[in-house]
Amino acid sequence: MTAPDAPEPDPDELRAGMRDRWERSADGWRESSHRFNAATNAVAHWLVDAIRPQPGQRVLELAAGIGETGFLAAELIEPGGVLVSTDGAEPMIEHAKKRAAELGLRNVEFKPIDLEWIDARTAEFDAVICRWGYMFAVDREAALRETRRVLRPGGRVALATWTPADRNPWSMVAREAIYDAGLVDTLEPGPPSPFDLGTPEIVTTLLEDAGFAEVETAEIPVEFPYADVVDLFSETKSLSRPFADLVEDLDGRQLADLRARLVEKTAPYALADGSFRLPGIAFVAAAEA
């Protein structure tokens, strides 16, 4: 007898779960921002260069997190330009405000925005940046159509996502370890997956269907350094609420087993001093409205 197909996940439940995840991980992202931003600095600079910022422009950053990528653009649109830094998780926005103050930025506005329903006027912006945001939208087509709507004719969008999972050990070694330990039923991240937009064909089609033209794409290698498995475990728990929730209830034996599996998974990337660097490949794209 054929098993019935699993029901499609409810979109509103997916959105609520995603928002809860980011709200509860906001503190961890702020604490780990230095390492993450250092590892992905080339991605941030590619995105900012791709929107071709000019003084006086209005730039929108979607799914900005604590805002670091957009803050690079804020300096380049002075004098007279404004960056609108947004996120669907308000704790992220609060951290972004504090970071902007630390940097002395005075041309940044902050606003809670869901990238599927952008609360902005048509043709309000000269450029949009979205670093690792569209991949988590439940309705990615709607998010990109909304992006096109708020851009003036000739405006630019620049986005980042990830190439497929097998090219991103930095993200998958912890997932593989908990799967091998029998703590999850599948290696695949739950929907929406960060690896769903990992090819030029997929992203180009989405952009063109939303009304964009002159699409350009690139791949950018990244590396995340860790002192040891304890360091990796701690940061993964800080950044990933699903991982944190999972390991919270493990007993001592299960935790020891999981750490041993992490040692095994990270061994191919180990250096002589016991540290290791986990590689990945970011995928970036830009287009014209």
C-alpha atoms as a PDB file:
ATOM      1  CA  MET A   1       0.000   0.000   0.000  1.00  0.00           C
ATOM      2  CA  THR A   2       1.385   3.394  -0.997  1.00  0.00           C
ATOM      3  CA  ALA A   3       1.811   5.827   1.874  1.00  0.00           C
ATOM      4  CA  PRO A   4      -0.179   9.025   1.464  1.00  0.00           C
ATOM      5  CA  ASP A   5       1.740  12.112   0.454  1.00  0.00           C
ATOM      6  CA  ALA A   6       2.701  14.386   3.321  1.00  0.00           C
ATOM      7  CA  PRO A   7       0.495  17.479   3.497  1.00  0.00           C
ATOM      8  CA  GLU A   8       1.947  20.711   2.170  1.00  0.00           C
ATOM      9  CA  PRO A   9       3.236  22.905   5.009  1.00  0.00           C
ATOM     10  CA  ASP A  10       0.977  25.815   5.878  1.00  0.00           C
ATOM     11  CA  PRO A  11       2.579  29.047   4.537  1.00  0.00           C
ATOM     12  CA  ASP A  12       1.480  31.130   7.511  1.00  0.00           C
ATOM     13  CA  GLU A  13       2.911  28.574   9.934  1.00  0.00           C
ATOM     14  CA  LEU A  14       6.192  28.591   8.007  1.00  0.00           C
ATOM     15  CA  ARG A  15       6.344  32.379   8.202  1.00  0.00           C
ATOM     16  CA  ALA A  16       5.553  32.406  11.916  1.00  0.00           C
ATOM     17  CA  GLY A  17       8.164  29.735  12.612  1.00  0.00           C
ATOM     18  CA  MET A  18      10.773  31.602  10.582  1.00  0.00           C
ATOM     19  CA  ARG A  19      10.086  34.864  12.416  1.00  0.00           C
ATOM     20  CA  ASP A  20      10.291  33.125  15.796  1.00  0.00           C
ATOM     21  CA  ARG A  21      13.591  31.514  14.814  1.00  0.00           C
ATOM     22  CA  TRP A  22      15.205  34.822  13.852  1.00  0.00           C
ATOM     23  CA  GLU A  23      13.818  36.695  16.827  1.00  0.00           C
ATOM     24  CA  ARG A  24      15.227  34.132  19.247  1.00  0.00           C
ATOM     25  CA  SER A  25      18.614  34.000  17.508  1.00  0.00           C
ATOM     26  CA  ALA A  26      19.117  37.780  17.189  1.00  0.00           C
ATOM     27  CA  ASP A  27      21.391  38.006  20.251  1.00  0.00           C
ATOM     28  CA  GLY A  28      23.529  35.159  18.949  1.00  0.00           C
ATOM     29  CA  TRP A  29      23.930  36.806  15.562  1.00  0.00           C
ATOM     30  CA  ARG A  30      25.061  40.018  17.222  1.00  0.00           C
ATOM     31  CA  GLU A  31      27.582  38.133  19.363  1.00  0.00           C
ATOM     32  CA  SER A  32      28.967  36.205  16.364  1.00  0.00           C
ATOM     33  CA  SER A  33      28.844  39.066  13.889  1.00  0.00           C
ATOM     34  CA  HIS A  34      32.592  39.654  13.823  1.00  0.00           C
ATOM     35  CA  ARG A  35      33.460  36.127  12.681  1.00  0.00           C
ATOM     36  CA  PHE A  36      30.558  35.842  10.251  1.00  0.00           C
ATOM     37  CA  ASN A  37      31.169  39.238   8.648  1.00  0.00           C
ATOM     38  CA  ALA A  38      34.900  38.615   8.359  1.00  0.00           C
ATOM     39  CA  ALA A  39      34.264  35.291   6.617  1.00  0.00           C
ATOM     40  CA  THR A  40      31.697  36.773   4.221  1.00  0.00           C
ATOM     41  CA  ASN A  41      33.254  40.196   3.684  1.00  0.00           C
ATOM     42  CA  ALA A  42      33.800  39.558  -0.036  1.00  0.00           C
ATOM     43  CA  VAL A  43      30.087  38.826  -0.462  1.00  0.00           C
ATOM     44  CA  ALA A  44      29.049  42.069   1.233  1.00  0.00           C
ATOM     45  CA  HIS A  45      31.395  44.122  -0.932  1.00  0.00           C
ATOM     46  CA  TRP A  46      30.209  42.401  -4.117  1.00  0.00           C
ATOM     47  CA  LEU A  47      26.603  43.271  -3.280  1.00  0.00           C
ATOM     48  CA  VAL A  48      27.386  46.897  -2.523  1.00  0.00           C
ATOM     49  CA  ASP A  49      29.480  47.287  -5.677  1.00  0.00           C
ATOM     50  CA  ALA A  50      26.704  45.662  -7.724  1.00  0.00           C
ATOM     51  CA  ILE A  51      24.102  48.303  -6.827  1.00  0.00           C
ATOM     52  CA  ARG A  52      26.512  51.046  -7.968  1.00  0.00           C
ATOM     53  CA  PRO A  53      25.787  53.415  -5.070  1.00  0.00           C
ATOM     54  CA  GLN A  54      25.833  57.149  -5.706  1.00  0.00           C
ATOM     55  CA  PRO A  55      25.470  60.178  -3.405  1.00  0.00           C
ATOM     56  CA  GLY A  56      21.859  61.129  -2.797  1.00  0.00           C
ATOM     57  CA  GLN A  57      20.338  57.718  -3.510  1.00  0.00           C
ATOM     58  CA  ARG A  58      17.735  55.895  -1.416  1.00  0.00           C
ATOM     59  CA  VAL A  59      18.789  52.308  -0.744  1.00  0.00           C
ATOM     60  CA  LEU A  60      16.626  49.598   0.831  1.00  0.00           C
ATOM     61  CA  GLU A  61      18.158  46.630   2.604  1.00  0.00           C
ATOM     62  CA  LEU A  62      15.798  43.684   3.083  1.00  0.00           C
ATOM     63  CA  ALA A  63      16.344  40.952   5.698  1.00  0.00           C
ATOM     64  CA  ALA A  64      19.200  43.118   6.940  1.00  0.00           C
ATOM     65  CA  GLY A  65      19.751  41.303  10.231  1.00  0.00           C
ATOM     66  CA  ILE A  66      22.026  43.544  12.265  1.00  0.00           C
ATOM     67  CA  GLY A  67      22.669  45.649   9.178  1.00  0.00           C
ATOM     68  CA  GLU A  68      26.342  45.276   8.390  1.00  0.00           C
ATOM     69  CA  THR A  69      26.062  44.953   4.586  1.00  0.00           C
ATOM     70  CA  GLY A  70      23.775  47.931   4.152  1.00  0.00           C
ATOM     71  CA  PHE A  71      25.990  50.021   6.419  1.00  0.00           C
ATOM     72  CA  LEU A  72      28.767  49.699   3.829  1.00  0.00           C
ATOM     73  CA  ALA A  73      26.432  51.291   1.285  1.00  0.00           C
ATOM     74  CA  ALA A  74      25.303  54.022   3.705  1.00  0.00           C
ATOM     75  CA  GLU A  75      28.732  55.623   3.624  1.00  0.00           C
ATOM     76  CA  LEU A  76      28.785  55.662  -0.184  1.00  0.00           C
ATOM     77  CA  ILE A  77      25.432  57.414  -0.692  1.00  0.00           C
ATOM     78  CA  GLU A  78      26.457  60.443   1.360  1.00  0.00           C
ATOM     79  CA  PRO A  79      25.824  63.289   1.086  1.00  0.00           C
ATOM     80  CA  GLY A  80      22.063  63.294   0.861  1.00  0.00           C
ATOM     81  CA  GLY A  81      21.453  59.571   0.549  1.00  0.00           C
ATOM     82  CA  VAL A  82      19.408  57.406   2.904  1.00  0.00           C
ATOM     83  CA  LEU A  83      19.671  53.711   3.743  1.00  0.00           C
ATOM     84  CA  VAL A  84      16.451  52.088   4.971  1.00  0.00           C
ATOM     85  CA  SER A  85      17.545  49.045   6.984  1.00  0.00           C
ATOM     86  CA  THR A  86      14.743  46.508   7.497  1.00  0.00           C
ATOM     87  CA  ASP A  87      14.084  43.052   8.869  1.00  0.00           C
ATOM     88  CA  GLY A  88      11.071  40.934   9.740  1.00  0.00           C
ATOM     89  CA  ALA A  89      12.454  40.252  13.234  1.00  0.00           C
ATOM     90  CA  GLU A  90      12.351  43.348  15.424  1.00  0.00           C
ATOM     91  CA  PRO A  91      15.146  42.188  17.787  1.00  0.00           C
ATOM     92  CA  MET A  92      17.433  42.188  14.741  1.00  0.00           C
ATOM     93  CA  ILE A  93      16.444  45.796  14.050  1.00  0.00           C
ATOM     94  CA  GLU A  94      17.248  46.789  17.630  1.00  0.00           C
ATOM     95  CA  HIS A  95      20.734  45.313  17.259  1.00  0.00           C
ATOM     96  CA  ALA A  96      21.124  47.082  13.908  1.00  0.00           C
ATOM     97  CA  LYS A  97      20.260  50.426  15.512  1.00  0.00           C
ATOM     98  CA  LYS A  98      22.923  49.906  18.171  1.00  0.00           C
ATOM     99  CA  ARG A  99      25.495  48.910  15.549  1.00  0.00           C
ATOM    100  CA  ALA A 100      24.726  51.980  13.422  1.00  0.00           C
ATOM    101  CA  ALA A 101      25.222  54.165  16.483  1.00  0.00           C
ATOM    102  CA  GLU A 102      28.572  52.488  17.186  1.00  0.00           C
ATOM    103  CA  LEU A 103      29.645  53.264  13.607  1.00  0.00           C
ATOM    104  CA  GLY A 104      28.439  56.846  13.818  1.00  0.00           C
ATOM    105  CA  LEU A 105      26.031  56.484  10.880  1.00  0.00           C
ATOM    106  CA  ARG A 106      23.439  59.247  10.668  1.00  0.00           C
ATOM    107  CA  ASN A 107      21.754  58.524   7.328  1.00  0.00           C
ATOM    108  CA  VAL A 108      20.050  55.229   8.253  1.00  0.00           C
ATOM    109  CA  GLU A 109      16.361  54.682   8.935  1.00  0.00           C
ATOM    110  CA  PHE A 110      15.053  51.469  10.493  1.00  0.00           C
ATOM    111  CA  LYS A 111      11.772  49.752   9.786  1.00  0.00           C
ATOM    112  CA  PRO A 112      10.205  46.302  10.327  1.00  0.00           C
ATOM    113  CA  ILE A 113       9.367  44.924   6.875  1.00  0.00           C
ATOM    114  CA  ASP A 114       8.406  41.494   5.572  1.00  0.00           C
ATOM    115  CA  LEU A 115      10.117  41.133   2.219  1.00  0.00           C
ATOM    116  CA  GLU A 116       7.018  39.488   0.690  1.00  0.00           C
ATOM    117  CA  TRP A 117       4.940  42.628   1.414  1.00  0.00           C
ATOM    118  CA  ILE A 118       7.218  45.659   1.270  1.00  0.00           C
ATOM    119  CA  ASP A 119       5.712  48.645   3.038  1.00  0.00           C
ATOM    120  CA  ALA A 120       7.021  51.294   0.632  1.00  0.00           C
ATOM    121  CA  ARG A 121       5.803  53.396  -2.267  1.00  0.00           C
ATOM    122  CA  THR A 122       6.181  52.260  -5.860  1.00  0.00           C
ATOM    123  CA  ALA A 123       9.532  53.384  -7.345  1.00  0.00           C
ATOM    124  CA  GLU A 124      10.682  54.749  -3.964  1.00  0.00           C
ATOM    125  CA  PHE A 125      14.213  53.336  -4.082  1.00  0.00           C
ATOM    126  CA  ASP A 126      17.263  53.507  -6.319  1.00  0.00           C
ATOM    127  CA  ALA A 127      18.634  50.166  -5.142  1.00  0.00           C
ATOM    128  CA  VAL A 128      17.801  47.115  -3.018  1.00  0.00           C
ATOM    129  CA  ILE A 129      20.239  44.805  -1.229  1.00  0.00           C
ATOM    130  CA  CYS A 130      19.200  41.449   0.207  1.00  0.00           C
ATOM    131  CA  ARG A 131      21.979  39.272   1.639  1.00  0.00           C
ATOM    132  CA  TRP A 132      20.677  35.764   2.345  1.00  0.00           C
ATOM    133  CA  GLY A 133      17.046  36.779   2.661  1.00  0.00           C
ATOM    134  CA  TYR A 134      15.085  35.774  -0.434  1.00  0.00           C
ATOM    135  CA  MET A 135      15.970  32.123   0.105  1.00  0.00           C
ATOM    136  CA  PHE A 136      13.948  32.159   3.340  1.00  0.00           C
ATOM    137  CA  ALA A 137      10.867  33.781   1.788  1.00  0.00           C
ATOM    138  CA  VAL A 138       7.909  31.412   1.649  1.00  0.00           C
ATOM    139  CA  ASP A 139       6.779  33.103  -1.602  1.00  0.00           C
ATOM    140  CA  ARG A 140      10.018  34.074  -3.314  1.00  0.00           C
ATOM    141  CA  GLU A 141       8.243  35.159  -6.487  1.00  0.00           C
ATOM    142  CA  ALA A 142       6.135  37.637  -4.511  1.00  0.00           C
ATOM    143  CA  ALA A 143       9.211  38.955  -2.702  1.00  0.00           C
ATOM    144  CA  LEU A 144      11.010  39.691  -5.960  1.00  0.00           C
ATOM    145  CA  ARG A 145       7.922  41.226  -7.564  1.00  0.00           C
ATOM    146  CA  GLU A 146       7.627  43.518  -4.551  1.00  0.00           C
ATOM    147  CA  THR A 147      11.302  44.396  -4.883  1.00  0.00           C
ATOM    148  CA  ARG A 148      10.772  45.311  -8.527  1.00  0.00           C
ATOM    149  CA  ARG A 149       7.752  47.432  -7.595  1.00  0.00           C
ATOM    150  CA  VAL A 150       9.616  49.616  -5.101  1.00  0.00           C
ATOM    151  CA  LEU A 151      12.572  50.196  -7.444  1.00  0.00           C
ATOM    152  CA  ARG A 152      12.607  53.110  -9.846  1.00  0.00           C
ATOM    153  CA  PRO A 153      13.124  52.249 -13.541  1.00  0.00           C
ATOM    154  CA  GLY A 154      16.811  51.555 -13.985  1.00  0.00           C
ATOM    155  CA  GLY A 155      17.280  50.828 -10.270  1.00  0.00           C
ATOM    156  CA  ARG A 156      19.310  47.820  -9.201  1.00  0.00           C
ATOM    157  CA  VAL A 157      18.885  44.804  -6.958  1.00  0.00           C
ATOM    158  CA  ALA A 158      21.734  42.704  -5.554  1.00  0.00           C
ATOM    159  CA  LEU A 159      21.195  39.475  -3.634  1.00  0.00           C
ATOM    160  CA  ALA A 160      23.122  36.636  -2.059  1.00  0.00           C
ATOM    161  CA  THR A 161      22.150  33.039  -1.486  1.00  0.00           C
ATOM    162  CA  TRP A 162      24.093  29.755  -1.262  1.00  0.00           C
ATOM    163  CA  THR A 163      25.117  27.160  -3.800  1.00  0.00           C
ATOM    164  CA  PRO A 164      23.784  23.613  -3.151  1.00  0.00           C
ATOM    165  CA  ALA A 165      24.298  22.011   0.259  1.00  0.00           C
ATOM    166  CA  ASP A 166      27.069  19.643  -0.845  1.00  0.00           C
ATOM    167  CA  ARG A 167      29.239  22.678  -1.621  1.00  0.00           C
ATOM    168  CA  ASN A 168      28.740  24.215   1.827  1.00  0.00           C
ATOM    169  CA  PRO A 169      30.343  22.098   4.558  1.00  0.00           C
ATOM    170  CA  TRP A 170      30.333  25.144   6.878  1.00  0.00           C
ATOM    171  CA  SER A 171      26.555  24.814   7.064  1.00  0.00           C
ATOM    172  CA  MET A 172      26.153  21.064   6.758  1.00  0.00           C
ATOM    173  CA  VAL A 173      28.670  19.403   9.105  1.00  0.00           C
ATOM    174  CA  ALA A 174      26.514  20.027  12.180  1.00  0.00           C
ATOM    175  CA  ARG A 175      23.422  18.860  10.295  1.00  0.00           C
ATOM    176  CA  GLU A 176      25.232  15.694   9.202  1.00  0.00           C
ATOM    177  CA  ALA A 177      26.369  15.024  12.775  1.00  0.00           C
ATOM    178  CA  ILE A 178      22.887  15.282  14.275  1.00  0.00           C
ATOM    179  CA  TYR A 179      21.489  13.167  11.429  1.00  0.00           C
ATOM    180  CA  ASP A 180      24.105  10.443  11.948  1.00  0.00           C
ATOM    181  CA  ALA A 181      23.310  10.550  15.676  1.00  0.00           C
ATOM    182  CA  GLY A 182      19.662   9.812  14.880  1.00  0.00           C
ATOM    183  CA  LEU A 183      18.447  13.153  16.226  1.00  0.00           C
ATOM    184  CA  VAL A 184      16.736  14.241  12.987  1.00  0.00           C
ATOM    185  CA  ASP A 185      15.009  12.213  10.298  1.00  0.00           C
ATOM    186  CA  THR A 186      16.493  13.870   7.223  1.00  0.00           C
ATOM    187  CA  LEU A 187      19.606  15.690   6.105  1.00  0.00           C
ATOM    188  CA  GLU A 188      17.502  18.225   4.251  1.00  0.00           C
ATOM    189  CA  PRO A 189      16.883  21.495   6.093  1.00  0.00           C
ATOM    190  CA  GLY A 190      13.207  22.230   6.595  1.00  0.00           C
ATOM    191  CA  PRO A 191      11.470  24.494   4.103  1.00  0.00           C
ATOM    192  CA  PRO A 192      12.215  27.079   2.975  1.00  0.00           C
ATOM    193  CA  SER A 193      15.764  25.773   2.482  1.00  0.00           C
ATOM    194  CA  PRO A 194      18.769  28.121   2.224  1.00  0.00           C
ATOM    195  CA  PHE A 195      20.031  25.994  -0.661  1.00  0.00           C
ATOM    196  CA  ASP A 196      16.983  26.200  -2.944  1.00  0.00           C
ATOM    197  CA  LEU A 197      18.291  29.167  -4.949  1.00  0.00           C
ATOM    198  CA  GLY A 198      21.758  27.837  -5.649  1.00  0.00           C
ATOM    199  CA  THR A 199      22.095  27.949  -9.440  1.00  0.00           C
ATOM    200  CA  PRO A 200      22.225  30.704 -12.071  1.00  0.00           C
ATOM    201  CA  GLU A 201      19.257  29.163 -13.882  1.00  0.00           C
ATOM    202  CA  ILE A 202      16.946  29.295 -10.857  1.00  0.00           C
ATOM    203  CA  VAL A 203      17.876  32.814  -9.790  1.00  0.00           C
ATOM    204  CA  THR A 204      17.904  34.250 -13.314  1.00  0.00           C
ATOM    205  CA  THR A 205      14.439  32.843 -13.986  1.00  0.00           C
ATOM    206  CA  LEU A 206      13.069  34.274 -10.737  1.00  0.00           C
ATOM    207  CA  LEU A 207      14.536  37.697 -11.454  1.00  0.00           C
ATOM    208  CA  GLU A 208      13.388  37.830 -15.060  1.00  0.00           C
ATOM    209  CA  ASP A 209       9.887  36.629 -14.167  1.00  0.00           C
ATOM    210  CA  ALA A 210       9.706  39.476 -11.632  1.00  0.00           C
ATOM    211  CA  GLY A 211      10.518  42.007 -14.349  1.00  0.00           C
ATOM    212  CA  PHE A 212      14.287  42.390 -14.000  1.00  0.00           C
ATOM    213  CA  ALA A 213      16.798  42.413 -16.839  1.00  0.00           C
ATOM    214  CA  GLU A 214      20.562  42.299 -17.400  1.00  0.00           C
ATOM    215  CA  VAL A 215      21.073  39.608 -14.760  1.00  0.00           C
ATOM    216  CA  GLU A 216      24.655  38.945 -13.682  1.00  0.00           C
ATOM    217  CA  THR A 217      25.748  36.149 -11.348  1.00  0.00           C
ATOM    218  CA  ALA A 218      28.898  34.948  -9.611  1.00  0.00           C
ATOM    219  CA  GLU A 219      30.158  32.460  -7.038  1.00  0.00           C
ATOM    220  CA  ILE A 220      32.277  33.596  -4.067  1.00  0.00           C
ATOM    221  CA  PRO A 221      34.251  31.140  -1.885  1.00  0.00           C
ATOM    222  CA  VAL A 222      34.074  31.640   1.880  1.00  0.00           C
ATOM    223  CA  GLU A 223      35.768  30.012   4.884  1.00  0.00           C
ATOM    224  CA  PHE A 224      34.687  29.961   8.513  1.00  0.00           C
ATOM    225  CA  PRO A 225      37.508  29.422  11.068  1.00  0.00           C
ATOM    226  CA  TYR A 226      36.969  27.547  14.335  1.00  0.00           C
ATOM    227  CA  ALA A 227      39.396  26.899  17.165  1.00  0.00           C
ATOM    228  CA  ASP A 228      37.946  23.438  17.837  1.00  0.00           C
ATOM    229  CA  VAL A 229      34.703  21.483  17.982  1.00  0.00           C
ATOM    230  CA  VAL A 230      33.677  23.228  21.208  1.00  0.00           C
ATOM    231  CA  ASP A 231      33.900  26.534  19.329  1.00  0.00           C
ATOM    232  CA  LEU A 232      31.801  25.177  16.435  1.00  0.00           C
ATOM    233  CA  PHE A 233      29.221  23.670  18.796  1.00  0.00           C
ATOM    234  CA  SER A 234      28.885  26.909  20.737  1.00  0.00           C
ATOM    235  CA  GLU A 235      28.473  29.099  17.659  1.00  0.00           C
ATOM    236  CA  THR A 236      26.017  26.728  15.967  1.00  0.00           C
ATOM    237  CA  LYS A 237      23.921  26.715  19.128  1.00  0.00           C
ATOM    238  CA  SER A 238      24.068  30.516  19.238  1.00  0.00           C
ATOM    239  CA  LEU A 239      23.066  31.086  15.595  1.00  0.00           C
ATOM    240  CA  SER A 240      20.664  28.218  14.915  1.00  0.00           C
ATOM    241  CA  ARG A 241      17.530  28.008  17.054  1.00  0.00           C
ATOM    242  CA  PRO A 242      16.568  24.562  15.675  1.00  0.00           C
ATOM    243  CA  PHE A 243      20.001  23.233  16.700  1.00  0.00           C
ATOM    244  CA  ALA A 244      19.825  24.958  20.101  1.00  0.00           C
ATOM    245  CA  ASP A 245      16.343  23.593  20.784  1.00  0.00           C
ATOM    246  CA  LEU A 246      17.454  20.111  19.763  1.00  0.00           C
ATOM    247  CA  VAL A 247      20.573  19.883  21.932  1.00  0.00           C
ATOM    248  CA  GLU A 248      18.953  21.505  24.966  1.00  0.00           C
ATOM    249  CA  ASP A 249      17.276  18.254  25.981  1.00  0.00           C
ATOM    250  CA  LEU A 250      20.197  15.891  25.284  1.00  0.00           C
ATOM    251  CA  ASP A 251      21.774  14.009  28.175  1.00  0.00           C
ATOM    252  CA  GLY A 252      25.520  13.786  28.786  1.00  0.00           C
ATOM    253  CA  ARG A 253      25.966  10.608  26.753  1.00  0.00           C
ATOM    254  CA  GLN A 254      24.130  12.054  23.764  1.00  0.00           C
ATOM    255  CA  LEU A 255      26.115  15.290  23.910  1.00  0.00           C
ATOM    256  CA  ALA A 256      29.404  13.371  24.047  1.00  0.00           C
ATOM    257  CA  ASP A 257      28.314  11.270  21.071  1.00  0.00           C
ATOM    258  CA  LEU A 258      27.351  14.391  19.093  1.00  0.00           C
ATOM    259  CA  ARG A 259      30.662  16.091  19.807  1.00  0.00           C
ATOM    260  CA  ALA A 260      32.534  12.945  18.731  1.00  0.00           C
ATOM    261  CA  ARG A 261      30.615  12.974  15.459  1.00  0.00           C
ATOM    262  CA  LEU A 262      31.505  16.632  14.961  1.00  0.00           C
ATOM    263  CA  VAL A 263      35.176  15.776  15.441  1.00  0.00           C
ATOM    264  CA  GLU A 264      34.814  13.135  12.734  1.00  0.00           C
ATOM    265  CA  LYS A 265      32.979  15.475  10.350  1.00  0.00           C
ATOM    266  CA  THR A 266      35.479  18.307  10.747  1.00  0.00           C
ATOM    267  CA  ALA A 267      38.599  16.124  10.499  1.00  0.00           C
ATOM    268  CA  PRO A 268      39.025  16.645   6.710  1.00  0.00           C
ATOM    269  CA  TYR A 269      39.347  20.396   7.325  1.00  0.00           C
ATOM    270  CA  ALA A 270      41.674  20.246  10.360  1.00  0.00           C
ATOM    271  CA  LEU A 271      44.946  22.157  10.562  1.00  0.00           C
ATOM    272  CA  ALA A 272      48.086  21.139  12.441  1.00  0.00           C
ATOM    273  CA  ASP A 273      47.103  23.067  15.587  1.00  0.00           C
ATOM    274  CA  GLY A 274      43.725  21.334  15.830  1.00  0.00           C
ATOM    275  CA  SER A 275      41.724  24.249  14.482  1.00  0.00           C
ATOM    276  CA  PHE A 276      39.806  23.934  11.238  1.00  0.00           C
ATOM    277  CA  ARG A 277      38.321  26.071   8.492  1.00  0.00           C
ATOM    278  CA  LEU A 278      34.953  25.078   7.027  1.00  0.00           C
ATOM    279  CA  PRO A 279      34.500  26.118   3.384  1.00  0.00           C
ATOM    280  CA  GLY A 280      31.460  27.184   1.433  1.00  0.00           C
ATOM    281  CA  ILE A 281      30.413  28.823  -1.813  1.00  0.00           C
ATOM    282  CA  ALA A 282      28.090  31.821  -1.810  1.00  0.00           C
ATOM    283  CA  PHE A 283      26.026  32.628  -4.883  1.00  0.00           C
ATOM    284  CA  VAL A 284      25.398  36.265  -5.750  1.00  0.00           C
ATOM    285  CA  ALA A 285      23.319  37.981  -8.398  1.00  0.00           C
ATOM    286  CA  ALA A 286      22.416  41.477  -9.520  1.00  0.00           C
ATOM    287  CA  ALA A 287      19.924  42.847 -12.036  1.00  0.00           C
ATOM    288  CA  GLU A 288      18.357  46.043 -13.341  1.00  0.00           C
ATOM    289  CA  ALA A 289      14.743  47.115 -12.919  1.00  0.00           C
END
